[in-house]
Amino acid sequence: MKLTIFAATGGTGRILVDLALAAGHDVTAVARRPRDLPDAVRTVRADMLDDPDLRPALEGADAVFSCLGARNKDEARARTCAKGTEAVIRGMRATGARRLVVISSESMTVVPSPGRPNPPKHDPGEGFILRYLVGGPARKYFLREQYADLGVMEDAVRASGLDWTIARPALLIDRPPKGTYRTAVDRKPKGGFRIARADLAEFLLGCVTRDETVGQAITLNY
């Protein structure tokens, strides 16, 4: 398959590039500063906040992956993830690409957005510590801007008319893959609170051959 990967030099994107190449796919990697990528990868430079024309990176793509994410509050306030994903969607519509897989966050099961103003108050998969001592304060205070950015992004994906999947990983850690993890649609698998980037990347790549993931927001954890 011809795959296009956005934010291809980030923590998860870079792993996804290697997995896609190992599986024999033709990979186009898009990044603000594409570097340290294998020679077999076609690279495209793009700043996603500059409303780029992404058609050259998307022509003929069988599937598109967005590993975009705000790295700090300033990027979140600028809606880096939402604006970048909206540019990807416009490019896909212009080129006829259909399959889109994006990364969000497990917290979005209960975080409101303009297009989803009344999500469930609590996620049944959250235990006491995650719900009240960690997740609640993070959503309300520490990561509020990041979640607002992701909420607008998820709204755009749902309204895109594309064949989309939203991956909502738990806390991402830089460790070797376990090869096994739990998933649930529109809620968190009970009890888990983290997942390795390598396992997330494996899940993302697998979505392109799993039709049952289309139109689903899927949470992943151990």
C-alpha atoms as a PDB file:
ATOM      1  CA  MET A   1       0.000   0.000   0.000  1.00  0.00           C
ATOM      2  CA  LYS A   2       0.943   3.643  -0.406  1.00  0.00           C
ATOM      3  CA  LEU A   3       0.907   5.223   3.033  1.00  0.00           C
ATOM      4  CA  THR A   4       1.329   8.871   4.046  1.00  0.00           C
ATOM      5  CA  ILE A   5       2.416   9.579   7.616  1.00  0.00           C
ATOM      6  CA  PHE A   6       2.167  13.053   9.154  1.00  0.00           C
ATOM      7  CA  ALA A   7       4.450  14.051  12.051  1.00  0.00           C
ATOM      8  CA  ALA A   8       6.645  11.215  10.848  1.00  0.00           C
ATOM      9  CA  THR A   9       9.677  12.213  12.921  1.00  0.00           C
ATOM     10  CA  GLY A  10       7.800  12.330  16.243  1.00  0.00           C
ATOM     11  CA  GLY A  11       7.892   9.632  18.888  1.00  0.00           C
ATOM     12  CA  THR A  12       5.087   7.505  17.479  1.00  0.00           C
ATOM     13  CA  GLY A  13       5.359   8.594  13.852  1.00  0.00           C
ATOM     14  CA  ARG A  14       8.956   7.485  13.558  1.00  0.00           C
ATOM     15  CA  ILE A  15       8.135   4.003  14.860  1.00  0.00           C
ATOM     16  CA  LEU A  16       5.190   3.819  12.465  1.00  0.00           C
ATOM     17  CA  VAL A  17       7.482   4.650   9.533  1.00  0.00           C
ATOM     18  CA  ASP A  18       9.768   1.729  10.400  1.00  0.00           C
ATOM     19  CA  LEU A  19       6.871  -0.691  10.868  1.00  0.00           C
ATOM     20  CA  ALA A  20       5.309   0.333   7.557  1.00  0.00           C
ATOM     21  CA  LEU A  21       8.583  -0.133   5.690  1.00  0.00           C
ATOM     22  CA  ALA A  22       9.180  -3.514   7.328  1.00  0.00           C
ATOM     23  CA  ALA A  23       5.715  -4.581   6.137  1.00  0.00           C
ATOM     24  CA  GLY A  24       6.623  -3.661   2.560  1.00  0.00           C
ATOM     25  CA  HIS A  25       4.570  -0.489   2.204  1.00  0.00           C
ATOM     26  CA  ASP A  26       5.473   2.540   0.072  1.00  0.00           C
ATOM     27  CA  VAL A  27       5.862   5.370   2.626  1.00  0.00           C
ATOM     28  CA  THR A  28       5.652   9.151   2.298  1.00  0.00           C
ATOM     29  CA  ALA A  29       6.749  10.909   5.483  1.00  0.00           C
ATOM     30  CA  VAL A  30       5.583  14.455   6.203  1.00  0.00           C
ATOM     31  CA  ALA A  31       7.212  16.594   8.890  1.00  0.00           C
ATOM     32  CA  ARG A  32       8.187  20.170   9.673  1.00  0.00           C
ATOM     33  CA  ARG A  33      11.830  19.162   9.545  1.00  0.00           C
ATOM     34  CA  PRO A  34      12.114  15.715   7.953  1.00  0.00           C
ATOM     35  CA  ARG A  35      15.398  14.188   9.045  1.00  0.00           C
ATOM     36  CA  ASP A  36      16.942  10.900  10.139  1.00  0.00           C
ATOM     37  CA  LEU A  37      14.526   8.943   7.979  1.00  0.00           C
ATOM     38  CA  PRO A  38      15.397   5.826   5.958  1.00  0.00           C
ATOM     39  CA  ASP A  39      16.450   6.321   2.335  1.00  0.00           C
ATOM     40  CA  ALA A  40      13.456   4.291   1.161  1.00  0.00           C
ATOM     41  CA  VAL A  41      11.062   6.949   2.463  1.00  0.00           C
ATOM     42  CA  ARG A  42       9.822   9.816   0.310  1.00  0.00           C
ATOM     43  CA  THR A  43       9.891  12.968   2.455  1.00  0.00           C
ATOM     44  CA  VAL A  44       7.744  16.095   2.293  1.00  0.00           C
ATOM     45  CA  ARG A  45       8.424  19.206   4.361  1.00  0.00           C
ATOM     46  CA  ALA A  46       5.320  20.993   5.707  1.00  0.00           C
ATOM     47  CA  ASP A  47       4.468  23.316   8.577  1.00  0.00           C
ATOM     48  CA  MET A  48       0.908  22.356   9.409  1.00  0.00           C
ATOM     49  CA  LEU A  49       0.035  25.793  10.831  1.00  0.00           C
ATOM     50  CA  ASP A  50       0.815  27.486   7.507  1.00  0.00           C
ATOM     51  CA  ASP A  51      -2.257  26.003   5.783  1.00  0.00           C
ATOM     52  CA  PRO A  52      -0.059  23.969   3.426  1.00  0.00           C
ATOM     53  CA  ASP A  53      -1.137  22.428   0.142  1.00  0.00           C
ATOM     54  CA  LEU A  54      -0.737  18.766   1.017  1.00  0.00           C
ATOM     55  CA  ARG A  55      -1.913  17.306  -2.269  1.00  0.00           C
ATOM     56  CA  PRO A  56       1.626  16.319  -3.384  1.00  0.00           C
ATOM     57  CA  ALA A  57       1.981  14.203  -0.232  1.00  0.00           C
ATOM     58  CA  LEU A  58      -1.433  12.605  -0.619  1.00  0.00           C
ATOM     59  CA  GLU A  59      -1.749  11.751  -4.305  1.00  0.00           C
ATOM     60  CA  GLY A  60      -2.441   8.056  -4.660  1.00  0.00           C
ATOM     61  CA  ALA A  61      -2.380   7.355  -0.905  1.00  0.00           C
ATOM     62  CA  ASP A  62      -4.243   4.222   0.159  1.00  0.00           C
ATOM     63  CA  ALA A  63      -4.173   5.304   3.801  1.00  0.00           C
ATOM     64  CA  VAL A  64      -3.153   8.404   5.743  1.00  0.00           C
ATOM     65  CA  PHE A  65      -1.924   8.563   9.336  1.00  0.00           C
ATOM     66  CA  SER A  66      -1.844  11.688  11.494  1.00  0.00           C
ATOM     67  CA  CYS A  67       0.481  11.494  14.465  1.00  0.00           C
ATOM     68  CA  LEU A  68       0.105  15.225  15.100  1.00  0.00           C
ATOM     69  CA  GLY A  69      -0.023  16.543  18.646  1.00  0.00           C
ATOM     70  CA  ALA A  70       0.633  19.788  20.493  1.00  0.00           C
ATOM     71  CA  ARG A  71       3.916  19.649  22.394  1.00  0.00           C
ATOM     72  CA  ASN A  72       3.054  22.454  24.831  1.00  0.00           C
ATOM     73  CA  LYS A  73       0.283  24.865  25.829  1.00  0.00           C
ATOM     74  CA  ASP A  74       1.261  27.467  23.240  1.00  0.00           C
ATOM     75  CA  GLU A  75       0.947  24.942  20.411  1.00  0.00           C
ATOM     76  CA  ALA A  76      -2.331  23.721  21.875  1.00  0.00           C
ATOM     77  CA  ARG A  77      -3.740  27.250  22.080  1.00  0.00           C
ATOM     78  CA  ALA A  78      -2.788  27.685  18.427  1.00  0.00           C
ATOM     79  CA  ARG A  79      -4.824  24.526  17.740  1.00  0.00           C
ATOM     80  CA  THR A  80      -1.847  22.855  16.111  1.00  0.00           C
ATOM     81  CA  CYS A  81      -3.411  19.401  16.004  1.00  0.00           C
ATOM     82  CA  ALA A  82      -6.842  20.590  14.872  1.00  0.00           C
ATOM     83  CA  LYS A  83      -5.574  22.934  12.154  1.00  0.00           C
ATOM     84  CA  GLY A  84      -3.076  20.404  10.889  1.00  0.00           C
ATOM     85  CA  THR A  85      -5.676  17.663  10.714  1.00  0.00           C
ATOM     86  CA  GLU A  86      -8.109  19.984   8.925  1.00  0.00           C
ATOM     87  CA  ALA A  87      -5.399  20.630   6.311  1.00  0.00           C
ATOM     88  CA  VAL A  88      -4.918  16.867   5.934  1.00  0.00           C
ATOM     89  CA  ILE A  89      -8.664  16.392   5.440  1.00  0.00           C
ATOM     90  CA  ARG A  90      -8.782  19.102   2.766  1.00  0.00           C
ATOM     91  CA  GLY A  91      -5.883  17.465   0.960  1.00  0.00           C
ATOM     92  CA  MET A  92      -7.510  14.057   1.118  1.00  0.00           C
ATOM     93  CA  ARG A  93     -10.751  15.388  -0.304  1.00  0.00           C
ATOM     94  CA  ALA A  94      -8.846  17.077  -3.130  1.00  0.00           C
ATOM     95  CA  THR A  95      -6.935  13.919  -4.039  1.00  0.00           C
ATOM     96  CA  GLY A  96      -9.627  11.325  -3.396  1.00  0.00           C
ATOM     97  CA  ALA A  97      -7.769   9.608  -0.541  1.00  0.00           C
ATOM     98  CA  ARG A  98     -10.269   7.962   1.809  1.00  0.00           C
ATOM     99  CA  ARG A  99      -8.667   6.135   4.752  1.00  0.00           C
ATOM    100  CA  LEU A 100      -7.606   8.299   7.704  1.00  0.00           C
ATOM    101  CA  VAL A 101      -6.223   7.156  11.074  1.00  0.00           C
ATOM    102  CA  VAL A 102      -5.475   9.779  13.739  1.00  0.00           C
ATOM    103  CA  ILE A 103      -4.093   9.834  17.283  1.00  0.00           C
ATOM    104  CA  SER A 104      -6.040  11.473  20.094  1.00  0.00           C
ATOM    105  CA  SER A 105      -6.134  10.715  23.840  1.00  0.00           C
ATOM    106  CA  GLU A 106      -7.971   8.344  26.161  1.00  0.00           C
ATOM    107  CA  SER A 107      -9.295  11.354  28.097  1.00  0.00           C
ATOM    108  CA  MET A 108     -11.461  12.348  25.154  1.00  0.00           C
ATOM    109  CA  THR A 109     -14.042   9.745  26.159  1.00  0.00           C
ATOM    110  CA  VAL A 110     -15.287  12.294  28.728  1.00  0.00           C
ATOM    111  CA  VAL A 111     -14.000  15.656  27.428  1.00  0.00           C
ATOM    112  CA  PRO A 112     -16.566  17.879  25.686  1.00  0.00           C
ATOM    113  CA  SER A 113     -15.943  19.541  22.332  1.00  0.00           C
ATOM    114  CA  PRO A 114     -17.946  21.974  20.190  1.00  0.00           C
ATOM    115  CA  GLY A 115     -19.391  19.099  18.183  1.00  0.00           C
ATOM    116  CA  ARG A 116     -19.813  16.792  21.185  1.00  0.00           C
ATOM    117  CA  PRO A 117     -20.835  19.064  24.056  1.00  0.00           C
ATOM    118  CA  ASN A 118     -22.340  16.402  26.330  1.00  0.00           C
ATOM    119  CA  PRO A 119     -20.066  13.367  26.598  1.00  0.00           C
ATOM    120  CA  PRO A 120     -20.511  10.938  29.502  1.00  0.00           C
ATOM    121  CA  LYS A 121     -19.561  12.501  32.841  1.00  0.00           C
ATOM    122  CA  HIS A 122     -17.485   9.469  33.806  1.00  0.00           C
ATOM    123  CA  ASP A 123     -15.768   6.674  31.933  1.00  0.00           C
ATOM    124  CA  PRO A 124     -16.639   3.249  33.400  1.00  0.00           C
ATOM    125  CA  GLY A 125     -13.096   2.093  32.748  1.00  0.00           C
ATOM    126  CA  GLU A 126     -11.576   4.676  35.107  1.00  0.00           C
ATOM    127  CA  GLY A 127     -10.730   3.663  38.644  1.00  0.00           C
ATOM    128  CA  PHE A 128     -10.855   6.056  41.599  1.00  0.00           C
ATOM    129  CA  ILE A 129      -7.267   7.288  41.244  1.00  0.00           C
ATOM    130  CA  LEU A 130      -7.474   7.934  37.509  1.00  0.00           C
ATOM    131  CA  ARG A 131     -10.916   9.543  37.704  1.00  0.00           C
ATOM    132  CA  TYR A 132     -10.453  11.842  40.690  1.00  0.00           C
ATOM    133  CA  LEU A 133      -6.742  12.233  41.444  1.00  0.00           C
ATOM    134  CA  VAL A 134      -5.101  12.165  38.008  1.00  0.00           C
ATOM    135  CA  GLY A 135      -7.502  12.416  35.088  1.00  0.00           C
ATOM    136  CA  GLY A 136      -9.900  14.960  36.545  1.00  0.00           C
ATOM    137  CA  PRO A 137      -7.307  17.626  37.468  1.00  0.00           C
ATOM    138  CA  ALA A 138      -5.420  17.065  34.203  1.00  0.00           C
ATOM    139  CA  ARG A 139      -8.556  17.583  32.132  1.00  0.00           C
ATOM    140  CA  LYS A 140      -9.684  20.591  34.133  1.00  0.00           C
ATOM    141  CA  TYR A 141      -6.384  22.377  34.683  1.00  0.00           C
ATOM    142  CA  PHE A 142      -3.019  21.039  33.534  1.00  0.00           C
ATOM    143  CA  LEU A 143      -3.847  19.758  30.037  1.00  0.00           C
ATOM    144  CA  ARG A 144      -7.061  21.652  29.358  1.00  0.00           C
ATOM    145  CA  GLU A 145      -5.717  23.411  26.243  1.00  0.00           C
ATOM    146  CA  GLN A 146      -4.315  20.193  24.803  1.00  0.00           C
ATOM    147  CA  TYR A 147      -7.656  18.435  25.217  1.00  0.00           C
ATOM    148  CA  ALA A 148      -9.519  21.385  23.703  1.00  0.00           C
ATOM    149  CA  ASP A 149      -7.247  21.103  20.656  1.00  0.00           C
ATOM    150  CA  LEU A 150      -7.920  17.371  20.388  1.00  0.00           C
ATOM    151  CA  GLY A 151     -11.648  17.935  20.744  1.00  0.00           C
ATOM    152  CA  VAL A 152     -11.751  20.254  17.739  1.00  0.00           C
ATOM    153  CA  MET A 153      -9.591  17.773  15.842  1.00  0.00           C
ATOM    154  CA  GLU A 154     -11.916  14.862  16.617  1.00  0.00           C
ATOM    155  CA  ASP A 155     -14.925  16.930  15.526  1.00  0.00           C
ATOM    156  CA  ALA A 156     -13.260  17.636  12.178  1.00  0.00           C
ATOM    157  CA  VAL A 157     -12.447  13.958  11.667  1.00  0.00           C
ATOM    158  CA  ARG A 158     -15.996  12.844  12.429  1.00  0.00           C
ATOM    159  CA  ALA A 159     -17.440  15.445  10.053  1.00  0.00           C
ATOM    160  CA  SER A 160     -14.935  14.703   7.279  1.00  0.00           C
ATOM    161  CA  GLY A 161     -16.968  12.107   5.405  1.00  0.00           C
ATOM    162  CA  LEU A 162     -13.798   9.994   5.199  1.00  0.00           C
ATOM    163  CA  ASP A 163     -13.224   6.418   6.356  1.00  0.00           C
ATOM    164  CA  TRP A 164     -11.720   7.389   9.705  1.00  0.00           C
ATOM    165  CA  THR A 165     -10.462   5.798  12.879  1.00  0.00           C
ATOM    166  CA  ILE A 166      -9.566   7.740  16.026  1.00  0.00           C
ATOM    167  CA  ALA A 167      -6.985   5.995  18.220  1.00  0.00           C
ATOM    168  CA  ARG A 168      -7.139   7.123  21.844  1.00  0.00           C
ATOM    169  CA  PRO A 169      -4.066   5.777  23.638  1.00  0.00           C
ATOM    170  CA  ALA A 170      -3.483   5.876  27.363  1.00  0.00           C
ATOM    171  CA  LEU A 171      -0.318   7.527  28.701  1.00  0.00           C
ATOM    172  CA  LEU A 172       2.382   6.912  26.089  1.00  0.00           C
ATOM    173  CA  ILE A 173       5.673   5.454  27.268  1.00  0.00           C
ATOM    174  CA  ASP A 174       8.945   4.818  25.432  1.00  0.00           C
ATOM    175  CA  ARG A 175       9.452   1.118  26.070  1.00  0.00           C
ATOM    176  CA  PRO A 176       9.693  -1.999  23.893  1.00  0.00           C
ATOM    177  CA  PRO A 177       6.345  -3.306  22.682  1.00  0.00           C
ATOM    178  CA  LYS A 178       4.515  -5.931  24.686  1.00  0.00           C
ATOM    179  CA  GLY A 179       2.677  -7.135  21.610  1.00  0.00           C
ATOM    180  CA  THR A 180      -0.580  -7.392  23.542  1.00  0.00           C
ATOM    181  CA  TYR A 181      -2.898  -4.647  24.744  1.00  0.00           C
ATOM    182  CA  ARG A 182      -6.565  -4.011  25.360  1.00  0.00           C
ATOM    183  CA  THR A 183      -8.979  -1.951  23.286  1.00  0.00           C
ATOM    184  CA  ALA A 184     -12.499  -0.628  23.749  1.00  0.00           C
ATOM    185  CA  VAL A 185     -14.787   1.555  21.624  1.00  0.00           C
ATOM    186  CA  ASP A 186     -15.890   4.923  23.090  1.00  0.00           C
ATOM    187  CA  ARG A 187     -14.619   4.005  26.564  1.00  0.00           C
ATOM    188  CA  LYS A 188     -11.463   2.926  28.353  1.00  0.00           C
ATOM    189  CA  PRO A 189     -10.627  -0.715  29.008  1.00  0.00           C
ATOM    190  CA  LYS A 190     -10.927  -0.978  32.780  1.00  0.00           C
ATOM    191  CA  GLY A 191      -7.869  -0.484  34.928  1.00  0.00           C
ATOM    192  CA  GLY A 192      -5.067   0.330  32.464  1.00  0.00           C
ATOM    193  CA  PHE A 193      -3.378   3.704  32.276  1.00  0.00           C
ATOM    194  CA  ARG A 194      -0.436   3.449  29.857  1.00  0.00           C
ATOM    195  CA  ILE A 195       0.776   1.931  26.589  1.00  0.00           C
ATOM    196  CA  ALA A 196       4.068   1.871  24.670  1.00  0.00           C
ATOM    197  CA  ARG A 197       4.365   3.977  21.530  1.00  0.00           C
ATOM    198  CA  ALA A 198       5.509   0.859  19.696  1.00  0.00           C
ATOM    199  CA  ASP A 199       2.254  -0.956  20.479  1.00  0.00           C
ATOM    200  CA  LEU A 200       0.240   2.111  19.491  1.00  0.00           C
ATOM    201  CA  ALA A 201       2.098   2.243  16.160  1.00  0.00           C
ATOM    202  CA  GLU A 202       1.349  -1.443  15.553  1.00  0.00           C
ATOM    203  CA  PHE A 203      -2.332  -0.798  16.184  1.00  0.00           C
ATOM    204  CA  LEU A 204      -2.371   2.195  13.830  1.00  0.00           C
ATOM    205  CA  LEU A 205      -0.823   0.227  10.998  1.00  0.00           C
ATOM    206  CA  GLY A 206      -3.200  -2.669  11.547  1.00  0.00           C
ATOM    207  CA  CYS A 207      -6.220  -0.395  11.149  1.00  0.00           C
ATOM    208  CA  VAL A 208      -5.712  -0.169   7.385  1.00  0.00           C
ATOM    209  CA  THR A 209      -6.675  -3.830   6.974  1.00  0.00           C
ATOM    210  CA  ARG A 210      -9.381  -3.935   9.652  1.00  0.00           C
ATOM    211  CA  ASP A 211     -12.623  -2.582   8.252  1.00  0.00           C
ATOM    212  CA  GLU A 212     -14.315  -2.928  11.635  1.00  0.00           C
ATOM    213  CA  THR A 213     -12.260   0.009  12.940  1.00  0.00           C
ATOM    214  CA  VAL A 214     -13.770   2.459  10.426  1.00  0.00           C
ATOM    215  CA  GLY A 215     -15.931   5.099  12.077  1.00  0.00           C
ATOM    216  CA  GLN A 216     -14.741   4.126  15.573  1.00  0.00           C
ATOM    217  CA  ALA A 217     -12.962   5.947  18.396  1.00  0.00           C
ATOM    218  CA  ILE A 218     -10.894   3.214  20.053  1.00  0.00           C
ATOM    219  CA  THR A 219      -9.053   3.471  23.369  1.00  0.00           C
ATOM    220  CA  LEU A 220      -5.910   1.410  23.992  1.00  0.00           C
ATOM    221  CA  ASN A 221      -4.124   0.481  27.217  1.00  0.00           C
ATOM    222  CA  TYR A 222      -2.412  -2.440  28.970  1.00  0.00           C
END
